[in-house]
C-alpha atoms as a PDB file:
ATOM      1  CA  MET A   1    -106.687  64.957 -62.884  1.00  0.00           C
ATOM      2  CA  ILE A   2    -106.494  61.109 -63.552  1.00  0.00           C
ATOM      3  CA  VAL A   3    -102.841  60.914 -62.818  1.00  0.00           C
ATOM      4  CA  LYS A   4    -103.546  63.060 -59.541  1.00  0.00           C
ATOM      5  CA  THR A   5    -106.614  60.781 -58.571  1.00  0.00           C
ATOM      6  CA  ILE A   6    -104.066  57.770 -58.851  1.00  0.00           C
ATOM      7  CA  LEU A   7    -101.465  59.344 -56.841  1.00  0.00           C
ATOM      8  CA  ILE A   8    -104.047  60.291 -54.129  1.00  0.00           C
ATOM      9  CA  PHE A   9    -105.267  56.978 -54.179  1.00  0.00           C
ATOM     10  CA  LEU A  10    -101.798  55.417 -53.546  1.00  0.00           C
ATOM     11  CA  ILE A  11    -101.353  57.773 -50.696  1.00  0.00           C
ATOM     12  CA  GLY A  12    -104.605  56.682 -49.234  1.00  0.00           C
ATOM     13  CA  LEU A  13    -103.347  53.274 -49.658  1.00  0.00           C
ATOM     14  CA  LEU A  14    -100.143  53.811 -47.917  1.00  0.00           C
ATOM     15  CA  GLY A  15    -101.954  55.333 -44.950  1.00  0.00           C
ATOM     16  CA  TYR A  16    -104.061  52.338 -44.859  1.00  0.00           C
ATOM     17  CA  SER A  17    -100.723  50.024 -44.923  1.00  0.00           C
ATOM     18  CA  GLU A  18     -99.696  51.197 -41.486  1.00  0.00           C
ATOM     19  CA  TRP A  19    -101.138  47.688 -39.989  1.00  0.00           C
ATOM     20  CA  LEU A  20     -98.746  46.150 -42.302  1.00  0.00           C
ATOM     21  CA  THR A  21     -95.850  48.181 -41.634  1.00  0.00           C
ATOM     22  CA  GLY A  22     -95.655  47.720 -37.981  1.00  0.00           C
ATOM     23  CA  THR A  23     -97.161  50.820 -36.288  1.00  0.00           C
ATOM     24  CA  SER A  24     -95.024  52.952 -38.181  1.00  0.00           C
ATOM     25  CA  TYR A  25     -97.525  56.131 -37.963  1.00  0.00           C
ATOM     26  CA  LEU A  26     -97.710  56.324 -41.565  1.00  0.00           C
ATOM     27  CA  GLN A  27    -101.640  57.512 -41.068  1.00  0.00           C
ATOM     28  CA  ARG A  28    -100.824  60.155 -39.248  1.00  0.00           C
ATOM     29  CA  PRO A  29    -101.972  63.629 -40.744  1.00  0.00           C
ATOM     30  CA  ILE A  30     -98.278  65.155 -40.467  1.00  0.00           C
ATOM     31  CA  VAL A  31     -97.123  62.488 -42.681  1.00  0.00           C
ATOM     32  CA  LEU A  32     -99.910  62.349 -45.607  1.00  0.00           C
ATOM     33  CA  GLY A  33    -100.312  66.029 -45.557  1.00  0.00           C
ATOM     34  CA  PRO A  34     -96.966  66.907 -47.164  1.00  0.00           C
ATOM     35  CA  LEU A  35     -97.340  64.223 -49.223  1.00  0.00           C
ATOM     36  CA  VAL A  36    -100.804  65.498 -50.470  1.00  0.00           C
ATOM     37  CA  GLY A  37     -99.260  68.715 -50.882  1.00  0.00           C
ATOM     38  CA  LEU A  38     -96.487  67.250 -52.848  1.00  0.00           C
ATOM     39  CA  VAL A  39     -98.830  65.654 -55.391  1.00  0.00           C
ATOM     40  CA  LEU A  40    -101.085  68.705 -55.880  1.00  0.00           C
ATOM     41  CA  GLY A  41     -97.960  71.120 -56.343  1.00  0.00           C
ATOM     42  CA  ASP A  42     -98.345  72.939 -52.948  1.00  0.00           C
ATOM     43  CA  MET A  43     -96.128  71.058 -50.420  1.00  0.00           C
ATOM     44  CA  GLN A  44     -96.111  74.253 -48.275  1.00  0.00           C
ATOM     45  CA  ALA A  45     -99.970  74.063 -47.886  1.00  0.00           C
ATOM     46  CA  GLY A  46     -99.729  70.572 -47.240  1.00  0.00           C
ATOM     47  CA  ILE A  47     -97.389  70.853 -44.500  1.00  0.00           C
ATOM     48  CA  MET A  48     -99.481  73.592 -42.891  1.00  0.00           C
ATOM     49  CA  MET A  49    -102.762  71.599 -42.912  1.00  0.00           C
ATOM     50  CA  GLY A  50    -101.280  68.047 -42.113  1.00  0.00           C
ATOM     51  CA  ALA A  51     -99.684  70.035 -38.957  1.00  0.00           C
ATOM     52  CA  THR A  52    -103.100  71.600 -38.348  1.00  0.00           C
ATOM     53  CA  LEU A  53    -104.818  68.208 -38.521  1.00  0.00           C
ATOM     54  CA  GLU A  54    -102.212  66.656 -36.311  1.00  0.00           C
ATOM     55  CA  LEU A  55    -102.350  69.170 -33.486  1.00  0.00           C
ATOM     56  CA  ALA A  56    -106.381  68.764 -33.764  1.00  0.00           C
ATOM     57  CA  MET A  57    -105.902  64.796 -34.015  1.00  0.00           C
ATOM     58  CA  ILE A  58    -102.960  64.180 -31.699  1.00  0.00           C
ATOM     59  CA  GLY A  59    -104.668  62.321 -28.983  1.00  0.00           C
ATOM     60  CA  ALA A  60    -106.770  60.160 -31.560  1.00  0.00           C
ATOM     61  CA  ILE A  61    -104.733  57.208 -30.598  1.00  0.00           C
ATOM     62  CA  SER A  62    -106.320  53.319 -30.776  1.00  0.00           C
ATOM     63  CA  VAL A  63    -106.321  52.275 -26.972  1.00  0.00           C
ATOM     64  CA  GLY A  64    -108.193  49.302 -26.387  1.00  0.00           C
ATOM     65  CA  ALA A  65    -111.348  49.088 -27.575  1.00  0.00           C
ATOM     66  CA  TYR A  66    -111.168  52.580 -28.813  1.00  0.00           C
ATOM     67  CA  ASN A  67    -111.255  53.131 -32.407  1.00  0.00           C
ATOM     68  CA  PRO A  68    -110.257  56.855 -33.343  1.00  0.00           C
ATOM     69  CA  PRO A  69    -111.332  58.597 -36.540  1.00  0.00           C
ATOM     70  CA  ASP A  70    -110.204  57.638 -39.915  1.00  0.00           C
ATOM     71  CA  LEU A  71    -107.561  59.970 -39.986  1.00  0.00           C
ATOM     72  CA  ILE A  72    -106.399  58.595 -43.312  1.00  0.00           C
ATOM     73  CA  SER A  73    -109.572  59.717 -45.171  1.00  0.00           C
ATOM     74  CA  GLY A  74    -109.976  62.716 -43.234  1.00  0.00           C
ATOM     75  CA  THR A  75    -106.172  63.893 -44.135  1.00  0.00           C
ATOM     76  CA  VAL A  76    -106.077  62.992 -47.655  1.00  0.00           C
ATOM     77  CA  LEU A  77    -109.627  64.284 -48.705  1.00  0.00           C
ATOM     78  CA  GLY A  78    -109.311  67.284 -46.244  1.00  0.00           C
ATOM     79  CA  VAL A  79    -106.209  68.445 -47.535  1.00  0.00           C
ATOM     80  CA  SER A  80    -106.627  67.619 -51.056  1.00  0.00           C
ATOM     81  CA  LEU A  81    -109.971  69.389 -51.185  1.00  0.00           C
ATOM     82  CA  ALA A  82    -109.039  72.541 -49.395  1.00  0.00           C
ATOM     83  CA  ILE A  83    -106.249  72.829 -51.605  1.00  0.00           C
ATOM     84  CA  GLN A  84    -107.939  72.414 -54.683  1.00  0.00           C
ATOM     85  CA  ALA A  85    -110.328  75.090 -53.628  1.00  0.00           C
ATOM     86  CA  GLY A  86    -107.436  77.465 -52.713  1.00  0.00           C
ATOM     87  CA  ALA A  87    -108.687  77.512 -48.935  1.00  0.00           C
ATOM     88  CA  GLY A  88    -106.248  77.629 -45.870  1.00  0.00           C
ATOM     89  CA  PRO A  89    -105.813  74.854 -42.897  1.00  0.00           C
ATOM     90  CA  GLU A  90    -109.323  76.020 -41.275  1.00  0.00           C
ATOM     91  CA  ALA A  91    -110.792  74.458 -44.366  1.00  0.00           C
ATOM     92  CA  ALA A  92    -108.847  71.539 -44.260  1.00  0.00           C
ATOM     93  CA  LEU A  93    -109.789  71.016 -40.615  1.00  0.00           C
ATOM     94  CA  THR A  94    -113.366  71.576 -41.217  1.00  0.00           C
ATOM     95  CA  LEU A  95    -113.588  68.999 -44.142  1.00  0.00           C
ATOM     96  CA  GLY A  96    -111.186  66.669 -42.557  1.00  0.00           C
ATOM     97  CA  ILE A  97    -112.746  65.704 -39.172  1.00  0.00           C
ATOM     98  CA  PRO A  98    -116.295  65.119 -40.247  1.00  0.00           C
ATOM     99  CA  ILE A  99    -115.045  63.147 -43.008  1.00  0.00           C
ATOM    100  CA  ALA A 100    -112.893  60.956 -40.449  1.00  0.00           C
ATOM    101  CA  THR A 101    -115.707  60.371 -38.028  1.00  0.00           C
ATOM    102  CA  VAL A 102    -118.084  59.398 -41.069  1.00  0.00           C
ATOM    103  CA  MET A 103    -115.637  56.961 -42.480  1.00  0.00           C
ATOM    104  CA  LEU A 104    -114.744  55.295 -38.980  1.00  0.00           C
ATOM    105  CA  ALA A 105    -118.618  54.500 -38.932  1.00  0.00           C
ATOM    106  CA  VAL A 106    -118.752  52.933 -42.595  1.00  0.00           C
ATOM    107  CA  ASN A 107    -115.569  51.191 -42.043  1.00  0.00           C
ATOM    108  CA  THR A 108    -116.597  49.750 -38.456  1.00  0.00           C
ATOM    109  CA  GLY A 109    -120.128  49.101 -39.680  1.00  0.00           C
ATOM    110  CA  LEU A 110    -119.353  47.599 -43.360  1.00  0.00           C
ATOM    111  CA  GLY A 111    -115.701  46.977 -43.113  1.00  0.00           C
ATOM    112  CA  GLN A 112    -114.973  45.110 -40.255  1.00  0.00           C
ATOM    113  CA  PRO A 113    -117.665  42.264 -41.269  1.00  0.00           C
ATOM    114  CA  LEU A 114    -115.947  41.629 -44.388  1.00  0.00           C
ATOM    115  CA  MET A 115    -112.470  41.684 -42.571  1.00  0.00           C
ATOM    116  CA  LEU A 116    -114.018  38.867 -40.146  1.00  0.00           C
ATOM    117  CA  LEU A 117    -114.707  36.564 -43.009  1.00  0.00           C
ATOM    118  CA  PHE A 118    -111.074  36.507 -44.121  1.00  0.00           C
ATOM    119  CA  ILE A 119    -110.092  36.245 -40.718  1.00  0.00           C
ATOM    120  CA  HIS A 120    -112.121  32.952 -40.599  1.00  0.00           C
ATOM    121  CA  LYS A 121    -110.645  31.885 -43.752  1.00  0.00           C
ATOM    122  CA  CYS A 122    -107.434  32.500 -42.377  1.00  0.00           C
ATOM    123  CA  ASP A 123    -108.469  29.991 -39.440  1.00  0.00           C
ATOM    124  CA  GLN A 124    -109.194  27.390 -42.058  1.00  0.00           C
ATOM    125  CA  ASP A 125    -106.003  27.758 -44.012  1.00  0.00           C
ATOM    126  CA  ALA A 126    -103.956  27.114 -40.844  1.00  0.00           C
ATOM    127  CA  GLU A 127    -105.750  24.200 -39.904  1.00  0.00           C
ATOM    128  CA  ASN A 128    -105.059  22.991 -43.555  1.00  0.00           C
ATOM    129  CA  CYS A 129    -101.391  24.319 -43.138  1.00  0.00           C
ATOM    130  CA  ASN A 130    -101.615  25.932 -46.293  1.00  0.00           C
ATOM    131  CA  VAL A 131     -99.097  29.071 -45.862  1.00  0.00           C
ATOM    132  CA  LYS A 132     -99.771  30.782 -49.221  1.00  0.00           C
ATOM    133  CA  ALA A 133    -103.291  30.890 -48.830  1.00  0.00           C
ATOM    134  CA  PHE A 134    -103.035  31.923 -45.254  1.00  0.00           C
ATOM    135  CA  THR A 135    -100.958  35.010 -46.291  1.00  0.00           C
ATOM    136  CA  ARG A 136    -103.132  35.812 -49.139  1.00  0.00           C
ATOM    137  CA  ASP A 137    -106.257  35.769 -46.824  1.00  0.00           C
ATOM    138  CA  MET A 138    -104.308  37.765 -44.099  1.00  0.00           C
ATOM    139  CA  LEU A 139    -103.451  40.372 -46.756  1.00  0.00           C
ATOM    140  CA  ILE A 140    -106.734  41.034 -48.259  1.00  0.00           C
ATOM    141  CA  ALA A 141    -108.070  41.070 -44.361  1.00  0.00           C
ATOM    142  CA  GLY A 142    -105.869  43.958 -43.361  1.00  0.00           C
ATOM    143  CA  TYR A 143    -107.121  45.886 -46.423  1.00  0.00           C
ATOM    144  CA  MET A 144    -110.670  44.941 -46.217  1.00  0.00           C
ATOM    145  CA  GLN A 145    -111.592  46.539 -42.732  1.00  0.00           C
ATOM    146  CA  ASN A 146    -110.772  49.827 -44.513  1.00  0.00           C
ATOM    147  CA  ILE A 147    -111.746  48.708 -48.176  1.00  0.00           C
ATOM    148  CA  TRP A 148    -114.678  51.596 -48.043  1.00  0.00           C
ATOM    149  CA  GLY A 149    -111.987  54.307 -47.374  1.00  0.00           C
ATOM    150  CA  ILE A 150    -109.766  53.123 -50.115  1.00  0.00           C
ATOM    151  CA  ILE A 151    -112.431  52.844 -52.611  1.00  0.00           C
ATOM    152  CA  CYS A 152    -114.256  56.647 -51.593  1.00  0.00           C
ATOM    153  CA  ILE A 153    -110.915  58.516 -51.269  1.00  0.00           C
ATOM    154  CA  PRO A 154    -109.969  58.421 -55.043  1.00  0.00           C
ATOM    155  CA  ILE A 155    -113.830  58.846 -56.197  1.00  0.00           C
ATOM    156  CA  ALA A 156    -114.561  61.830 -53.753  1.00  0.00           C
ATOM    157  CA  PHE A 157    -111.303  63.287 -54.765  1.00  0.00           C
ATOM    158  CA  TYR A 158    -112.040  63.280 -58.608  1.00  0.00           C
ATOM    159  CA  PHE A 159    -115.816  64.087 -58.342  1.00  0.00           C
ATOM    160  CA  GLY A 160    -115.596  66.618 -55.284  1.00  0.00           C
ATOM    161  CA  ALA A 161    -112.937  69.261 -55.886  1.00  0.00           C
ATOM    162  CA  ASP A 162    -115.300  71.217 -58.176  1.00  0.00           C
ATOM    163  CA  ALA A 163    -117.912  71.145 -55.688  1.00  0.00           C
ATOM    164  CA  VAL A 164    -116.062  71.755 -52.718  1.00  0.00           C
ATOM    165  CA  THR A 165    -114.634  74.751 -54.880  1.00  0.00           C
ATOM    166  CA  LYS A 166    -118.191  76.240 -55.194  1.00  0.00           C
ATOM    167  CA  VAL A 167    -119.234  75.702 -51.655  1.00  0.00           C
ATOM    168  CA  LEU A 168    -116.090  77.003 -50.078  1.00  0.00           C
ATOM    169  CA  GLY A 169    -116.570  80.119 -52.268  1.00  0.00           C
ATOM    170  CA  GLY A 170    -120.129  80.532 -51.395  1.00  0.00           C
ATOM    171  CA  ILE A 171    -119.576  80.603 -47.556  1.00  0.00           C
ATOM    172  CA  PRO A 172    -120.501  83.629 -45.873  1.00  0.00           C
ATOM    173  CA  GLU A 173    -117.582  85.861 -44.069  1.00  0.00           C
ATOM    174  CA  PHE A 174    -118.774  85.050 -40.654  1.00  0.00           C
ATOM    175  CA  VAL A 175    -119.007  81.383 -41.048  1.00  0.00           C
ATOM    176  CA  GLN A 176    -115.253  81.381 -42.246  1.00  0.00           C
ATOM    177  CA  THR A 177    -114.708  83.583 -38.669  1.00  0.00           C
ATOM    178  CA  GLY A 178    -116.294  80.621 -37.139  1.00  0.00           C
ATOM    179  CA  MET A 179    -114.245  77.903 -38.863  1.00  0.00           C
ATOM    180  CA  ASP A 180    -110.805  80.258 -37.906  1.00  0.00           C
ATOM    181  CA  ILE A 181    -111.981  80.106 -34.491  1.00  0.00           C
ATOM    182  CA  THR A 182    -112.494  76.420 -34.421  1.00  0.00           C
ATOM    183  CA  ALA A 183    -109.445  75.737 -36.144  1.00  0.00           C
ATOM    184  CA  ALA A 184    -107.833  77.500 -33.403  1.00  0.00           C
ATOM    185  CA  LEU A 185    -109.467  75.553 -30.477  1.00  0.00           C
ATOM    186  CA  LEU A 186    -109.333  72.009 -31.761  1.00  0.00           C
ATOM    187  CA  PRO A 187    -105.432  71.645 -31.516  1.00  0.00           C
ATOM    188  CA  ALA A 188    -105.788  72.770 -27.597  1.00  0.00           C
ATOM    189  CA  LEU A 189    -108.435  69.982 -27.546  1.00  0.00           C
ATOM    190  CA  GLY A 190    -106.136  67.224 -28.984  1.00  0.00           C
ATOM    191  CA  PHE A 191    -103.255  68.233 -26.750  1.00  0.00           C
ATOM    192  CA  ALA A 192    -105.906  67.895 -23.760  1.00  0.00           C
ATOM    193  CA  MET A 193    -106.655  64.520 -25.125  1.00  0.00           C
ATOM    194  CA  LEU A 194    -103.005  63.536 -25.050  1.00  0.00           C
ATOM    195  CA  ALA A 195    -102.425  65.188 -21.766  1.00  0.00           C
ATOM    196  CA  GLN A 196    -105.095  63.083 -20.288  1.00  0.00           C
ATOM    197  CA  THR A 197    -103.244  60.014 -21.068  1.00  0.00           C
ATOM    198  CA  MET A 198     -99.962  60.887 -19.492  1.00  0.00           C
ATOM    199  CA  MET A 199    -100.477  63.802 -17.269  1.00  0.00           C
ATOM    200  CA  ASN A 200     -99.489  63.056 -13.405  1.00  0.00           C
ATOM    201  CA  LYS A 201     -97.894  65.006 -10.617  1.00  0.00           C
ATOM    202  CA  LYS A 202     -94.377  63.902 -11.347  1.00  0.00           C
ATOM    203  CA  VAL A 203     -94.692  65.294 -15.296  1.00  0.00           C
ATOM    204  CA  ALA A 204     -96.877  68.251 -14.767  1.00  0.00           C
ATOM    205  CA  PRO A 205     -94.578  70.647 -13.152  1.00  0.00           C
ATOM    206  CA  PHE A 206     -92.230  70.015 -16.245  1.00  0.00           C
ATOM    207  CA  PHE A 207     -95.077  70.507 -18.959  1.00  0.00           C
ATOM    208  CA  PHE A 208     -95.804  73.746 -17.392  1.00  0.00           C
ATOM    209  CA  LEU A 209     -92.090  74.638 -16.858  1.00  0.00           C
ATOM    210  CA  GLY A 210     -91.948  74.073 -20.952  1.00  0.00           C
ATOM    211  CA  PHE A 211     -95.040  76.095 -21.451  1.00  0.00           C
ATOM    212  CA  PHE A 212     -93.929  79.146 -19.562  1.00  0.00           C
ATOM    213  CA  LEU A 213     -90.564  79.020 -20.911  1.00  0.00           C
ATOM    214  CA  VAL A 214     -92.171  79.475 -24.583  1.00  0.00           C
ATOM    215  CA  ALA A 215     -95.065  81.883 -23.477  1.00  0.00           C
ATOM    216  CA  TYR A 216     -92.846  84.291 -21.506  1.00  0.00           C
ATOM    217  CA  LEU A 217     -89.386  84.043 -22.098  1.00  0.00           C
ATOM    218  CA  GLY A 218     -89.913  83.426 -26.157  1.00  0.00           C
ATOM    219  CA  VAL A 219     -87.651  80.406 -26.225  1.00  0.00           C
ATOM    220  CA  THR A 220     -88.111  78.218 -29.276  1.00  0.00           C
ATOM    221  CA  THR A 221     -89.410  74.474 -29.356  1.00  0.00           C
ATOM    222  CA  THR A 222     -85.577  73.633 -30.440  1.00  0.00           C
ATOM    223  CA  GLY A 223     -84.405  75.413 -27.011  1.00  0.00           C
ATOM    224  CA  VAL A 224     -86.751  73.948 -24.838  1.00  0.00           C
ATOM    225  CA  ALA A 225     -85.877  70.413 -26.077  1.00  0.00           C
ATOM    226  CA  ILE A 226     -81.900  71.086 -25.677  1.00  0.00           C
ATOM    227  CA  PHE A 227     -82.882  72.838 -22.159  1.00  0.00           C
ATOM    228  CA  SER A 228     -84.621  69.639 -21.285  1.00  0.00           C
ATOM    229  CA  ILE A 229     -82.119  67.374 -22.071  1.00  0.00           C
ATOM    230  CA  CYS A 230     -79.362  69.189 -20.251  1.00  0.00           C
ATOM    231  CA  LEU A 231     -82.096  69.091 -17.231  1.00  0.00           C
ATOM    232  CA  VAL A 232     -82.437  65.527 -17.230  1.00  0.00           C
ATOM    233  CA  LEU A 233     -78.752  64.635 -17.628  1.00  0.00           C
ATOM    234  CA  ILE A 234     -78.109  67.029 -14.599  1.00  0.00           C
ATOM    235  CA  MET A 235     -80.765  65.142 -12.630  1.00  0.00           C
ATOM    236  CA  VAL A 236     -79.284  61.818 -13.693  1.00  0.00           C
ATOM    237  CA  MET A 237     -75.821  62.708 -12.433  1.00  0.00           C
ATOM    238  CA  PHE A 238     -76.992  63.773  -9.132  1.00  0.00           C
ATOM    239  CA  GLY A 239     -79.627  60.673  -8.640  1.00  0.00           C
ATOM    240  CA  ILE A 240     -82.731  62.621  -8.667  1.00  0.00           C
ATOM    241  CA  ILE A 241     -84.061  60.137 -11.364  1.00  0.00           C
ATOM    242  CA  GLY A 242     -82.797  56.938 -12.565  1.00  0.00           C
ATOM    243  CA  PRO A 243     -82.339  53.480 -10.643  1.00  0.00           C
ATOM    244  CA  LYS A 244     -81.449  53.721  -7.074  1.00  0.00           C
ATOM    245  CA  PRO A 245     -78.268  51.870  -5.788  1.00  0.00           C
ATOM    246  CA  THR A 246     -78.900  48.772  -3.589  1.00  0.00           C
ATOM    247  CA  ALA A 247     -76.957  48.364  -0.548  1.00  0.00           C
ATOM    248  CA  ALA A 248     -74.548  45.318  -1.031  1.00  0.00           C
ATOM    249  CA  SER A 249     -74.413  42.376   1.298  1.00  0.00           C
ATOM    250  CA  ALA A 250     -71.431  42.640   3.762  1.00  0.00           C
ATOM    251  CA  GLU A 251     -70.478  39.334   3.246  1.00  0.00           C
ATOM    252  CA  GLU A 252     -71.600  36.712   0.797  1.00  0.00           C
ATOM    253  CA  GLU A 253     -71.963  33.108   1.890  1.00  0.00           C
ATOM    254  CA  PRO A 254     -70.432  30.407   0.182  1.00  0.00           C
ATOM    255  CA  GLY A 255     -72.142  28.058  -1.807  1.00  0.00           C
ATOM    256  CA  GLY A 256     -74.326  30.511  -3.549  1.00  0.00           C
ATOM    257  CA  ASP A 257     -76.037  29.894  -7.050  1.00  0.00           C
ATOM    258  CA  PHE A 258     -72.975  31.684  -8.559  1.00  0.00           C
ATOM    259  CA  ASP A 259     -70.323  30.189  -6.683  1.00  0.00           C
ATOM    260  CA  GLU A 260     -68.818  27.095  -8.348  1.00  0.00           C
ATOM    261  CA  PHE A 261     -66.375  25.958  -5.931  1.00  0.00           C
END
């Protein structure tokens, strides 16, 4: 159990290192879920649970001043506790989303002020031209904003597995049915959040075309992707999309910017 706890801690730390790796999306459930499943010996369940959480939280992207729920703690704890309890993806979703929401509030209320202390220390280091101190304080500040998530993930995993197993085992059947229904609805909500940021009159026809190909013709996702590439190539070849050619001037006047003679 100690080894698993250490590995779970490292997975959480990897997710919280996303700011350091240049927006590599390491914090996404589709990445962290399989890693948790690999550590716990059930990678298939980790992939399924990670994909379910990804669908539900696909629109949870930081835009402007909006901070999405803490996907790292929600995914790592939701998937790990659900696997430990022998439950399915709906349990990971039910556990993960509340954990992510609560951890966002904790990190914002307690972690951000700690980060600001080191940011001001970075300002002082820059004024003193102390590169080593600046680098050290910058790295500390980056992890300090999520320090409570980094601490809580291994502790909750180590002490919470047995308790969660007992709780999930005692949930009535009608509540489990409600969890299944919620798990089916939340991915649709995630897609709606994502579509809201990108949907317009130019994109909508292609979106519904792909939907109907899958829903009514049974085309696979790979087939839709290949069909889309062919469609884009045809539209580019016929000039439907792409840069429009500009009419060249009939006669260039001598002495222009690029005329050296």
